[in-house]
Amino acid sequence: MSAQPSQARGPGELLHAAAVLYFEQDATQAEVAARLGISQATVSRLVSEAKRRGMVQIKVLPPAPDEGSLGEEVAARLGLQRVYVFADTAPEVLGASMGPALGSALLDAELAAGDVVLISSGKMCYAAAHCDLPALHGVVVAPTVGGFAEPEAWYQTSEITREFAARVDGRPAFLYAPAVPSPWLRQSLLQDPAASRVVGLWDQARCAVLGVGAPPTSPRSLPHYARAHVRSLAGAVGDVCSRFYDADGQEVAFPGSESMLSTPLETLRRVPVTIAVARGQEKLLGIRAGAAAGFFNRLVTDTSTAELLLR
């Protein structure tokens, strides 16, 4: 905006010009005075009058939470080794927001070529497989659970495994088997060299990235294999690797769960670095119970969930 004598402007126009220069263009009062051809004292009066009339609206916000400090508080509260907090974001850009936090968690695991990294299924693990992640050259990425006959992308364990391995420059290992086979098929699969090799990686894992499921309060939140058994799962507060557990960390069985092809909860407790990726108010009970039971020892979550976990 070029300098013009104040006489060329009406009072309202001069008031607006001074406010725009000072509040929107960050000009100093001396600069505003020079550009408008008025005194600095007049500029001071004009900007004060603009605020008084409501032409200028200033909102004072509380300081943004220190995500590192917030993570430390949540870790202490839940008894976890580390909690990595990322900014709240919309689901469609979740991967971009979560990537740096998950990347830090993976780097802190100090993985080397040949180490086994397990990856689960679910929306958060699907997002994790589409983050920009650090290279973990030569790690072996294996699924924690067999496949699901569901149309949604976040149930496709082989695809999640392949994508996650590509992101970290690792080698994928695929488990071509259903998550809940019949007892006869399960026994046959465990005798198959290809399937048994992948299942054997569960006990060798150095790290695992796990989603935390919400309580099975609605059949819509469950894959088809569990929807017929909602009553059996009434006491569950969440699940990891499709293994449901209650508030005390005890596994909740349902018809068919005895033949499930997924990493046992006891095995997860022995993995040195287990990173849960979870967010949302509906996940709070599952996060708290899973942390207390030792199913995971680190957590990647967003700011809102972290703050709720402290309440």
C-alpha atoms as a PDB file:
ATOM      1  CA  MET A   1       0.000   0.000   0.000  1.00  0.00           C
ATOM      2  CA  SER A   2       1.573   3.267  -1.107  1.00  0.00           C
ATOM      3  CA  ALA A   3       1.849   6.303   1.173  1.00  0.00           C
ATOM      4  CA  GLN A   4      -0.850   8.884   0.696  1.00  0.00           C
ATOM      5  CA  PRO A   5      -1.618  12.041   2.682  1.00  0.00           C
ATOM      6  CA  SER A   6      -4.204  11.531   5.387  1.00  0.00           C
ATOM      7  CA  GLN A   7      -6.277  14.406   3.950  1.00  0.00           C
ATOM      8  CA  ALA A   8      -7.045  12.208   0.930  1.00  0.00           C
ATOM      9  CA  ARG A   9      -8.820   9.661   3.139  1.00  0.00           C
ATOM     10  CA  GLY A  10     -12.009   9.653   5.156  1.00  0.00           C
ATOM     11  CA  PRO A  11     -11.773   8.788   8.882  1.00  0.00           C
ATOM     12  CA  GLY A  12     -13.034   5.232   8.427  1.00  0.00           C
ATOM     13  CA  GLU A  13     -10.752   4.588   5.462  1.00  0.00           C
ATOM     14  CA  LEU A  14      -7.722   5.881   7.360  1.00  0.00           C
ATOM     15  CA  LEU A  15      -8.615   3.730  10.357  1.00  0.00           C
ATOM     16  CA  HIS A  16      -8.821   0.632   8.170  1.00  0.00           C
ATOM     17  CA  ALA A  17      -5.572   1.409   6.321  1.00  0.00           C
ATOM     18  CA  ALA A  18      -3.647   1.845   9.561  1.00  0.00           C
ATOM     19  CA  ALA A  19      -5.073  -1.394  10.978  1.00  0.00           C
ATOM     20  CA  VAL A  20      -4.214  -3.388   7.848  1.00  0.00           C
ATOM     21  CA  LEU A  21      -0.641  -2.120   7.780  1.00  0.00           C
ATOM     22  CA  TYR A  22      -0.042  -2.626  11.477  1.00  0.00           C
ATOM     23  CA  PHE A  23      -1.886  -5.903  12.189  1.00  0.00           C
ATOM     24  CA  GLU A  24      -1.807  -7.750   8.864  1.00  0.00           C
ATOM     25  CA  GLN A  25       1.421  -6.542   7.283  1.00  0.00           C
ATOM     26  CA  ASP A  26       3.399  -6.280  10.549  1.00  0.00           C
ATOM     27  CA  ALA A  27       4.550  -2.722   9.843  1.00  0.00           C
ATOM     28  CA  THR A  28       5.844  -0.776  12.833  1.00  0.00           C
ATOM     29  CA  GLN A  29       3.968   2.328  13.972  1.00  0.00           C
ATOM     30  CA  ALA A  30       6.768   4.491  12.564  1.00  0.00           C
ATOM     31  CA  GLU A  31       6.456   2.729   9.176  1.00  0.00           C
ATOM     32  CA  VAL A  32       2.671   3.138   9.178  1.00  0.00           C
ATOM     33  CA  ALA A  33       3.059   6.834   9.989  1.00  0.00           C
ATOM     34  CA  ALA A  34       5.526   7.338   7.131  1.00  0.00           C
ATOM     35  CA  ARG A  35       3.385   5.486   4.589  1.00  0.00           C
ATOM     36  CA  LEU A  36       0.158   7.290   5.520  1.00  0.00           C
ATOM     37  CA  GLY A  37       1.682  10.726   6.071  1.00  0.00           C
ATOM     38  CA  ILE A  38       0.531  11.013   9.674  1.00  0.00           C
ATOM     39  CA  SER A  39       2.237  11.185  13.046  1.00  0.00           C
ATOM     40  CA  GLN A  40       3.220   8.096  15.040  1.00  0.00           C
ATOM     41  CA  ALA A  41       0.965   9.312  17.867  1.00  0.00           C
ATOM     42  CA  THR A  42      -1.966   9.284  15.436  1.00  0.00           C
ATOM     43  CA  VAL A  43      -1.121   5.745  14.371  1.00  0.00           C
ATOM     44  CA  SER A  44      -1.168   4.623  18.004  1.00  0.00           C
ATOM     45  CA  ARG A  45      -4.597   6.225  18.432  1.00  0.00           C
ATOM     46  CA  LEU A  46      -5.911   4.663  15.213  1.00  0.00           C
ATOM     47  CA  VAL A  47      -4.869   1.066  16.007  1.00  0.00           C
ATOM     48  CA  SER A  48      -6.356   1.362  19.497  1.00  0.00           C
ATOM     49  CA  GLU A  49      -9.607   2.702  18.028  1.00  0.00           C
ATOM     50  CA  ALA A  50      -9.693  -0.141  15.469  1.00  0.00           C
ATOM     51  CA  LYS A  51      -9.514  -2.684  18.285  1.00  0.00           C
ATOM     52  CA  ARG A  52     -12.156  -0.829  20.301  1.00  0.00           C
ATOM     53  CA  ARG A  53     -14.593  -0.865  17.378  1.00  0.00           C
ATOM     54  CA  GLY A  54     -14.116  -4.579  16.799  1.00  0.00           C
ATOM     55  CA  MET A  55     -12.427  -4.076  13.435  1.00  0.00           C
ATOM     56  CA  VAL A  56      -9.489  -6.087  14.775  1.00  0.00           C
ATOM     57  CA  GLN A  57     -10.048  -9.396  16.545  1.00  0.00           C
ATOM     58  CA  ILE A  58      -7.210 -10.913  18.523  1.00  0.00           C
ATOM     59  CA  LYS A  59      -7.437 -14.421  19.962  1.00  0.00           C
ATOM     60  CA  VAL A  60      -5.053 -15.505  22.692  1.00  0.00           C
ATOM     61  CA  LEU A  61      -4.473 -19.276  22.620  1.00  0.00           C
ATOM     62  CA  PRO A  62      -2.886 -21.420  25.317  1.00  0.00           C
ATOM     63  CA  PRO A  63       0.587 -22.697  24.493  1.00  0.00           C
ATOM     64  CA  ALA A  64       0.701 -25.846  22.406  1.00  0.00           C
ATOM     65  CA  PRO A  65       1.531 -28.910  24.477  1.00  0.00           C
ATOM     66  CA  ASP A  66       5.130 -30.019  24.527  1.00  0.00           C
ATOM     67  CA  GLU A  67       4.709 -33.369  22.789  1.00  0.00           C
ATOM     68  CA  GLY A  68       7.945 -34.705  24.249  1.00  0.00           C
ATOM     69  CA  SER A  69       6.962 -33.758  27.787  1.00  0.00           C
ATOM     70  CA  LEU A  70       3.431 -35.055  27.227  1.00  0.00           C
ATOM     71  CA  GLY A  71       4.843 -38.378  26.062  1.00  0.00           C
ATOM     72  CA  GLU A  72       6.997 -38.635  29.177  1.00  0.00           C
ATOM     73  CA  GLU A  73       3.973 -38.036  31.416  1.00  0.00           C
ATOM     74  CA  VAL A  74       1.899 -40.692  29.656  1.00  0.00           C
ATOM     75  CA  ALA A  75       4.782 -43.187  29.754  1.00  0.00           C
ATOM     76  CA  ALA A  76       5.159 -42.669  33.511  1.00  0.00           C
ATOM     77  CA  ARG A  77       1.408 -43.003  34.060  1.00  0.00           C
ATOM     78  CA  LEU A  78       1.069 -46.222  32.034  1.00  0.00           C
ATOM     79  CA  GLY A  79       4.406 -47.780  32.994  1.00  0.00           C
ATOM     80  CA  LEU A  80       5.682 -47.774  29.407  1.00  0.00           C
ATOM     81  CA  GLN A  81       9.283 -47.340  28.297  1.00  0.00           C
ATOM     82  CA  ARG A  82       8.503 -44.562  25.795  1.00  0.00           C
ATOM     83  CA  VAL A  83       5.473 -42.739  24.398  1.00  0.00           C
ATOM     84  CA  TYR A  84       5.758 -40.819  21.124  1.00  0.00           C
ATOM     85  CA  VAL A  85       3.111 -38.133  20.553  1.00  0.00           C
ATOM     86  CA  PHE A  86       2.140 -36.635  17.207  1.00  0.00           C
ATOM     87  CA  ALA A  87      -0.244 -33.777  16.421  1.00  0.00           C
ATOM     88  CA  ASP A  88      -3.949 -34.462  15.982  1.00  0.00           C
ATOM     89  CA  THR A  89      -4.864 -34.875  12.348  1.00  0.00           C
ATOM     90  CA  ALA A  90      -7.615 -36.003   9.995  1.00  0.00           C
ATOM     91  CA  PRO A  91      -7.733 -39.723   9.074  1.00  0.00           C
ATOM     92  CA  GLU A  92      -6.884 -39.057   5.428  1.00  0.00           C
ATOM     93  CA  VAL A  93      -3.509 -37.525   6.365  1.00  0.00           C
ATOM     94  CA  LEU A  94      -2.808 -39.741   9.370  1.00  0.00           C
ATOM     95  CA  GLY A  95       0.282 -41.326   7.830  1.00  0.00           C
ATOM     96  CA  ALA A  96       1.985 -37.992   7.219  1.00  0.00           C
ATOM     97  CA  SER A  97       1.389 -36.822  10.784  1.00  0.00           C
ATOM     98  CA  MET A  98       2.278 -40.111  12.475  1.00  0.00           C
ATOM     99  CA  GLY A  99       5.382 -40.830  10.377  1.00  0.00           C
ATOM    100  CA  PRO A 100       7.994 -38.860  12.367  1.00  0.00           C
ATOM    101  CA  ALA A 101       6.808 -40.278  15.708  1.00  0.00           C
ATOM    102  CA  LEU A 102       6.747 -43.872  14.468  1.00  0.00           C
ATOM    103  CA  GLY A 103      10.072 -43.334  12.704  1.00  0.00           C
ATOM    104  CA  SER A 104      11.646 -42.224  15.991  1.00  0.00           C
ATOM    105  CA  ALA A 105      10.229 -45.273  17.743  1.00  0.00           C
ATOM    106  CA  LEU A 106      11.697 -47.605  15.120  1.00  0.00           C
ATOM    107  CA  LEU A 107      15.099 -45.910  15.239  1.00  0.00           C
ATOM    108  CA  ASP A 108      15.119 -46.188  19.035  1.00  0.00           C
ATOM    109  CA  ALA A 109      14.672 -49.951  18.636  1.00  0.00           C
ATOM    110  CA  GLU A 110      18.232 -50.049  17.196  1.00  0.00           C
ATOM    111  CA  LEU A 111      17.414 -52.701  14.620  1.00  0.00           C
ATOM    112  CA  ALA A 112      20.042 -54.374  12.464  1.00  0.00           C
ATOM    113  CA  ALA A 113      19.929 -56.349   9.226  1.00  0.00           C
ATOM    114  CA  GLY A 114      18.352 -59.740   9.842  1.00  0.00           C
ATOM    115  CA  ASP A 115      16.305 -58.596  12.851  1.00  0.00           C
ATOM    116  CA  VAL A 116      12.643 -59.609  12.704  1.00  0.00           C
ATOM    117  CA  VAL A 117       9.990 -56.874  12.842  1.00  0.00           C
ATOM    118  CA  LEU A 118       6.374 -57.974  13.224  1.00  0.00           C
ATOM    119  CA  ILE A 119       3.502 -55.900  11.820  1.00  0.00           C
ATOM    120  CA  SER A 120      -0.167 -56.312  12.691  1.00  0.00           C
ATOM    121  CA  SER A 121      -3.317 -55.359  10.787  1.00  0.00           C
ATOM    122  CA  GLY A 122      -5.948 -52.665  11.379  1.00  0.00           C
ATOM    123  CA  LYS A 123      -6.391 -49.020  10.415  1.00  0.00           C
ATOM    124  CA  MET A 124      -3.416 -47.705  12.377  1.00  0.00           C
ATOM    125  CA  CYS A 125      -1.041 -50.379  11.071  1.00  0.00           C
ATOM    126  CA  TYR A 126      -2.323 -49.714   7.560  1.00  0.00           C
ATOM    127  CA  ALA A 127      -1.504 -46.021   8.063  1.00  0.00           C
ATOM    128  CA  ALA A 128       1.886 -46.986   9.502  1.00  0.00           C
ATOM    129  CA  ALA A 129       2.645 -48.923   6.335  1.00  0.00           C
ATOM    130  CA  HIS A 130       2.079 -45.754   4.313  1.00  0.00           C
ATOM    131  CA  CYS A 131       4.250 -43.402   6.394  1.00  0.00           C
ATOM    132  CA  ASP A 132       7.617 -42.028   5.384  1.00  0.00           C
ATOM    133  CA  LEU A 133       9.783 -44.220   7.594  1.00  0.00           C
ATOM    134  CA  PRO A 134      13.538 -44.505   8.136  1.00  0.00           C
ATOM    135  CA  ALA A 135      15.453 -47.195   6.286  1.00  0.00           C
ATOM    136  CA  LEU A 136      16.042 -50.320   8.384  1.00  0.00           C
ATOM    137  CA  HIS A 137      18.161 -52.074   5.786  1.00  0.00           C
ATOM    138  CA  GLY A 138      17.751 -55.827   5.701  1.00  0.00           C
ATOM    139  CA  VAL A 139      15.223 -56.339   8.510  1.00  0.00           C
ATOM    140  CA  VAL A 140      12.716 -59.136   8.023  1.00  0.00           C
ATOM    141  CA  VAL A 141       9.095 -57.944   8.199  1.00  0.00           C
ATOM    142  CA  ALA A 142       6.527 -60.608   9.096  1.00  0.00           C
ATOM    143  CA  PRO A 143       2.785 -60.459   9.839  1.00  0.00           C
ATOM    144  CA  THR A 144       1.441 -61.210  13.313  1.00  0.00           C
ATOM    145  CA  VAL A 145      -1.770 -62.722  12.004  1.00  0.00           C
ATOM    146  CA  GLY A 146      -3.162 -64.565   8.996  1.00  0.00           C
ATOM    147  CA  GLY A 147      -5.445 -63.066   6.381  1.00  0.00           C
ATOM    148  CA  PHE A 148      -9.052 -61.909   6.703  1.00  0.00           C
ATOM    149  CA  ALA A 149     -11.907 -62.332   4.235  1.00  0.00           C
ATOM    150  CA  GLU A 150     -12.793 -58.646   4.505  1.00  0.00           C
ATOM    151  CA  PRO A 151     -12.983 -56.050   1.713  1.00  0.00           C
ATOM    152  CA  GLU A 152     -11.308 -53.221   3.653  1.00  0.00           C
ATOM    153  CA  ALA A 153      -7.646 -52.526   2.905  1.00  0.00           C
ATOM    154  CA  TRP A 154      -6.629 -52.445   6.574  1.00  0.00           C
ATOM    155  CA  TYR A 155      -7.485 -56.152   6.954  1.00  0.00           C
ATOM    156  CA  GLN A 156      -5.125 -57.235   4.163  1.00  0.00           C
ATOM    157  CA  THR A 157      -2.164 -58.432   6.209  1.00  0.00           C
ATOM    158  CA  SER A 158      -0.031 -59.489   3.239  1.00  0.00           C
ATOM    159  CA  GLU A 159      -0.385 -56.075   1.608  1.00  0.00           C
ATOM    160  CA  ILE A 160       0.397 -54.264   4.882  1.00  0.00           C
ATOM    161  CA  THR A 161       3.473 -56.451   5.331  1.00  0.00           C
ATOM    162  CA  ARG A 162       4.664 -55.831   1.776  1.00  0.00           C
ATOM    163  CA  GLU A 163       4.152 -52.061   1.962  1.00  0.00           C
ATOM    164  CA  PHE A 164       5.761 -51.701   5.397  1.00  0.00           C
ATOM    165  CA  ALA A 165       8.791 -53.731   4.278  1.00  0.00           C
ATOM    166  CA  ALA A 166       9.164 -51.501   1.214  1.00  0.00           C
ATOM    167  CA  ARG A 167       9.003 -48.374   3.371  1.00  0.00           C
ATOM    168  CA  VAL A 168      11.836 -49.510   5.645  1.00  0.00           C
ATOM    169  CA  ASP A 169      13.890 -51.283   2.957  1.00  0.00           C
ATOM    170  CA  GLY A 170      13.240 -54.652   4.573  1.00  0.00           C
ATOM    171  CA  ARG A 171      12.403 -58.128   3.317  1.00  0.00           C
ATOM    172  CA  PRO A 172       8.763 -59.250   3.632  1.00  0.00           C
ATOM    173  CA  ALA A 173       7.746 -62.703   4.802  1.00  0.00           C
ATOM    174  CA  PHE A 174       4.168 -63.650   3.895  1.00  0.00           C
ATOM    175  CA  LEU A 175       1.768 -65.878   5.787  1.00  0.00           C
ATOM    176  CA  TYR A 176      -0.644 -67.297   3.217  1.00  0.00           C
ATOM    177  CA  ALA A 177      -3.222 -68.611   5.665  1.00  0.00           C
ATOM    178  CA  PRO A 178      -6.543 -67.465   7.153  1.00  0.00           C
ATOM    179  CA  ALA A 179      -6.507 -65.789  10.556  1.00  0.00           C
ATOM    180  CA  VAL A 180      -9.040 -68.292  11.932  1.00  0.00           C
ATOM    181  CA  PRO A 181      -8.641 -71.614  10.118  1.00  0.00           C
ATOM    182  CA  SER A 182     -10.423 -74.764  11.122  1.00  0.00           C
ATOM    183  CA  PRO A 183      -8.532 -76.915  13.671  1.00  0.00           C
ATOM    184  CA  TRP A 184      -7.717 -79.417  10.916  1.00  0.00           C
ATOM    185  CA  LEU A 185      -6.389 -76.727   8.535  1.00  0.00           C
ATOM    186  CA  ARG A 186      -4.394 -75.075  11.309  1.00  0.00           C
ATOM    187  CA  GLN A 187      -2.630 -78.325  12.067  1.00  0.00           C
ATOM    188  CA  SER A 188      -1.833 -78.814   8.382  1.00  0.00           C
ATOM    189  CA  LEU A 189      -0.526 -75.247   8.031  1.00  0.00           C
ATOM    190  CA  LEU A 190       1.841 -75.662  10.952  1.00  0.00           C
ATOM    191  CA  GLN A 191       3.322 -78.676   9.187  1.00  0.00           C
ATOM    192  CA  ASP A 192       3.759 -76.729   5.950  1.00  0.00           C
ATOM    193  CA  PRO A 193       7.375 -75.465   5.637  1.00  0.00           C
ATOM    194  CA  ALA A 194       6.441 -72.021   4.273  1.00  0.00           C
ATOM    195  CA  ALA A 195       3.789 -71.258   6.899  1.00  0.00           C
ATOM    196  CA  SER A 196       5.734 -72.760   9.800  1.00  0.00           C
ATOM    197  CA  ARG A 197       8.774 -70.673   8.839  1.00  0.00           C
ATOM    198  CA  VAL A 198       6.802 -67.434   9.234  1.00  0.00           C
ATOM    199  CA  VAL A 199       5.111 -68.575  12.442  1.00  0.00           C
ATOM    200  CA  GLY A 200       8.565 -69.436  13.765  1.00  0.00           C
ATOM    201  CA  LEU A 201       9.619 -65.808  13.264  1.00  0.00           C
ATOM    202  CA  TRP A 202       7.243 -64.721  16.042  1.00  0.00           C
ATOM    203  CA  ASP A 203       9.552 -66.143  18.688  1.00  0.00           C
ATOM    204  CA  GLN A 204      12.596 -64.527  17.043  1.00  0.00           C
ATOM    205  CA  ALA A 205      11.168 -61.014  16.779  1.00  0.00           C
ATOM    206  CA  ARG A 206      13.196 -58.069  17.975  1.00  0.00           C
ATOM    207  CA  CYS A 207      10.395 -55.534  17.407  1.00  0.00           C
ATOM    208  CA  ALA A 208       6.644 -55.460  16.749  1.00  0.00           C
ATOM    209  CA  VAL A 209       4.284 -52.724  15.524  1.00  0.00           C
ATOM    210  CA  LEU A 210       0.800 -53.420  16.833  1.00  0.00           C
ATOM    211  CA  GLY A 211      -2.619 -51.872  16.469  1.00  0.00           C
ATOM    212  CA  VAL A 212      -4.926 -51.781  19.494  1.00  0.00           C
ATOM    213  CA  GLY A 213      -8.541 -52.620  18.748  1.00  0.00           C
ATOM    214  CA  ALA A 214     -11.532 -50.919  20.346  1.00  0.00           C
ATOM    215  CA  PRO A 215     -13.879 -52.832  22.673  1.00  0.00           C
ATOM    216  CA  PRO A 216     -16.113 -55.108  20.576  1.00  0.00           C
ATOM    217  CA  THR A 217     -19.268 -53.226  21.572  1.00  0.00           C
ATOM    218  CA  SER A 218     -20.619 -53.113  18.030  1.00  0.00           C
ATOM    219  CA  PRO A 219     -20.550 -55.891  15.423  1.00  0.00           C
ATOM    220  CA  ARG A 220     -19.517 -53.251  12.885  1.00  0.00           C
ATOM    221  CA  SER A 221     -16.191 -52.825  14.687  1.00  0.00           C
ATOM    222  CA  LEU A 222     -15.334 -56.496  14.232  1.00  0.00           C
ATOM    223  CA  PRO A 223     -14.267 -58.667  11.311  1.00  0.00           C
ATOM    224  CA  HIS A 224     -16.792 -61.262  10.229  1.00  0.00           C
ATOM    225  CA  TYR A 225     -15.106 -64.122  12.085  1.00  0.00           C
ATOM    226  CA  ALA A 226     -15.878 -62.469  15.431  1.00  0.00           C
ATOM    227  CA  ARG A 227     -19.239 -60.832  14.736  1.00  0.00           C
ATOM    228  CA  ALA A 228     -21.117 -64.023  15.516  1.00  0.00           C
ATOM    229  CA  HIS A 229     -19.500 -64.139  18.947  1.00  0.00           C
ATOM    230  CA  VAL A 230     -20.133 -60.647  20.311  1.00  0.00           C
ATOM    231  CA  ARG A 231     -21.728 -62.058  23.474  1.00  0.00           C
ATOM    232  CA  SER A 232     -18.654 -64.181  24.152  1.00  0.00           C
ATOM    233  CA  LEU A 233     -16.499 -61.051  23.808  1.00  0.00           C
ATOM    234  CA  ALA A 234     -18.628 -58.872  26.090  1.00  0.00           C
ATOM    235  CA  GLY A 235     -15.856 -58.610  28.694  1.00  0.00           C
ATOM    236  CA  ALA A 236     -13.157 -57.561  26.230  1.00  0.00           C
ATOM    237  CA  VAL A 237     -11.773 -54.008  26.322  1.00  0.00           C
ATOM    238  CA  GLY A 238      -9.556 -54.342  23.241  1.00  0.00           C
ATOM    239  CA  ASP A 239      -7.355 -56.610  21.179  1.00  0.00           C
ATOM    240  CA  VAL A 240      -3.883 -56.868  19.713  1.00  0.00           C
ATOM    241  CA  CYS A 241      -3.134 -59.247  16.846  1.00  0.00           C
ATOM    242  CA  SER A 242      -6.866 -60.106  16.908  1.00  0.00           C
ATOM    243  CA  ARG A 243      -6.484 -61.584  20.401  1.00  0.00           C
ATOM    244  CA  PHE A 244      -9.060 -60.009  22.702  1.00  0.00           C
ATOM    245  CA  TYR A 245      -8.364 -59.261  26.357  1.00  0.00           C
ATOM    246  CA  ASP A 246     -10.218 -57.885  29.368  1.00  0.00           C
ATOM    247  CA  ALA A 247      -9.385 -55.043  31.745  1.00  0.00           C
ATOM    248  CA  ASP A 248      -7.054 -57.357  33.698  1.00  0.00           C
ATOM    249  CA  GLY A 249      -5.102 -58.353  30.611  1.00  0.00           C
ATOM    250  CA  GLN A 250      -6.586 -61.848  30.488  1.00  0.00           C
ATOM    251  CA  GLU A 251      -7.344 -63.232  27.044  1.00  0.00           C
ATOM    252  CA  VAL A 252     -11.058 -63.445  26.211  1.00  0.00           C
ATOM    253  CA  ALA A 253     -11.829 -66.591  24.243  1.00  0.00           C
ATOM    254  CA  PHE A 254     -14.627 -67.099  21.725  1.00  0.00           C
ATOM    255  CA  PRO A 255     -15.654 -70.117  19.673  1.00  0.00           C
ATOM    256  CA  GLY A 256     -12.856 -70.724  17.188  1.00  0.00           C
ATOM    257  CA  SER A 257     -10.230 -68.630  18.963  1.00  0.00           C
ATOM    258  CA  GLU A 258      -8.350 -71.759  19.995  1.00  0.00           C
ATOM    259  CA  SER A 259      -7.396 -72.350  16.357  1.00  0.00           C
ATOM    260  CA  MET A 260      -6.510 -68.721  15.589  1.00  0.00           C
ATOM    261  CA  LEU A 261      -3.310 -68.208  13.621  1.00  0.00           C
ATOM    262  CA  SER A 262      -1.885 -65.095  15.256  1.00  0.00           C
ATOM    263  CA  THR A 263       0.942 -64.210  17.614  1.00  0.00           C
ATOM    264  CA  PRO A 264       0.033 -65.319  21.168  1.00  0.00           C
ATOM    265  CA  LEU A 265      -0.157 -62.619  23.830  1.00  0.00           C
ATOM    266  CA  GLU A 266       2.478 -64.439  25.865  1.00  0.00           C
ATOM    267  CA  THR A 267       4.846 -64.295  22.899  1.00  0.00           C
ATOM    268  CA  LEU A 268       4.334 -60.538  22.569  1.00  0.00           C
ATOM    269  CA  ARG A 269       5.447 -60.082  26.170  1.00  0.00           C
ATOM    270  CA  ARG A 270       8.835 -61.554  25.233  1.00  0.00           C
ATOM    271  CA  VAL A 271       9.481 -59.279  22.241  1.00  0.00           C
ATOM    272  CA  PRO A 272      12.067 -56.667  23.344  1.00  0.00           C
ATOM    273  CA  VAL A 273      10.465 -53.664  21.613  1.00  0.00           C
ATOM    274  CA  THR A 274       6.695 -53.667  21.121  1.00  0.00           C
ATOM    275  CA  ILE A 275       5.254 -50.450  19.679  1.00  0.00           C
ATOM    276  CA  ALA A 276       1.501 -49.937  19.867  1.00  0.00           C
ATOM    277  CA  VAL A 277       0.030 -47.463  17.373  1.00  0.00           C
ATOM    278  CA  ALA A 278      -3.377 -46.317  18.600  1.00  0.00           C
ATOM    279  CA  ARG A 279      -5.497 -43.221  18.977  1.00  0.00           C
ATOM    280  CA  GLY A 280      -9.080 -42.281  19.833  1.00  0.00           C
ATOM    281  CA  GLN A 281     -11.215 -42.194  22.958  1.00  0.00           C
ATOM    282  CA  GLU A 282     -12.656 -45.640  22.211  1.00  0.00           C
ATOM    283  CA  LYS A 283      -9.136 -47.107  22.490  1.00  0.00           C
ATOM    284  CA  LEU A 284      -8.370 -45.800  26.009  1.00  0.00           C
ATOM    285  CA  LEU A 285      -9.398 -48.947  27.897  1.00  0.00           C
ATOM    286  CA  GLY A 286      -7.542 -51.182  25.459  1.00  0.00           C
ATOM    287  CA  ILE A 287      -4.395 -49.051  25.674  1.00  0.00           C
ATOM    288  CA  ARG A 288      -4.404 -48.970  29.483  1.00  0.00           C
ATOM    289  CA  ALA A 289      -5.067 -52.693  29.887  1.00  0.00           C
ATOM    290  CA  GLY A 290      -2.626 -53.692  27.146  1.00  0.00           C
ATOM    291  CA  ALA A 291       0.138 -51.552  28.633  1.00  0.00           C
ATOM    292  CA  ALA A 292      -0.452 -52.913  32.141  1.00  0.00           C
ATOM    293  CA  ALA A 293      -0.425 -56.489  30.834  1.00  0.00           C
ATOM    294  CA  GLY A 294       2.853 -55.965  28.967  1.00  0.00           C
ATOM    295  CA  PHE A 295       1.510 -56.648  25.480  1.00  0.00           C
ATOM    296  CA  PHE A 296       3.432 -53.553  24.337  1.00  0.00           C
ATOM    297  CA  ASN A 297       6.063 -51.408  26.027  1.00  0.00           C
ATOM    298  CA  ARG A 298       5.979 -48.317  23.789  1.00  0.00           C
ATOM    299  CA  LEU A 299       3.144 -46.270  22.328  1.00  0.00           C
ATOM    300  CA  VAL A 300       2.673 -43.959  19.355  1.00  0.00           C
ATOM    301  CA  THR A 301      -0.457 -41.817  19.741  1.00  0.00           C
ATOM    302  CA  ASP A 302      -1.846 -38.360  19.052  1.00  0.00           C
ATOM    303  CA  THR A 303      -2.065 -35.373  21.371  1.00  0.00           C
ATOM    304  CA  SER A 304      -5.751 -35.725  22.201  1.00  0.00           C
ATOM    305  CA  THR A 305      -5.439 -39.396  23.132  1.00  0.00           C
ATOM    306  CA  ALA A 306      -2.325 -38.722  25.208  1.00  0.00           C
ATOM    307  CA  GLU A 307      -4.138 -36.026  27.164  1.00  0.00           C
ATOM    308  CA  LEU A 308      -7.134 -38.311  27.728  1.00  0.00           C
ATOM    309  CA  LEU A 309      -4.854 -41.047  29.018  1.00  0.00           C
ATOM    310  CA  LEU A 310      -3.637 -38.656  31.719  1.00  0.00           C
ATOM    311  CA  ARG A 311      -7.141 -37.917  33.030  1.00  0.00           C
END
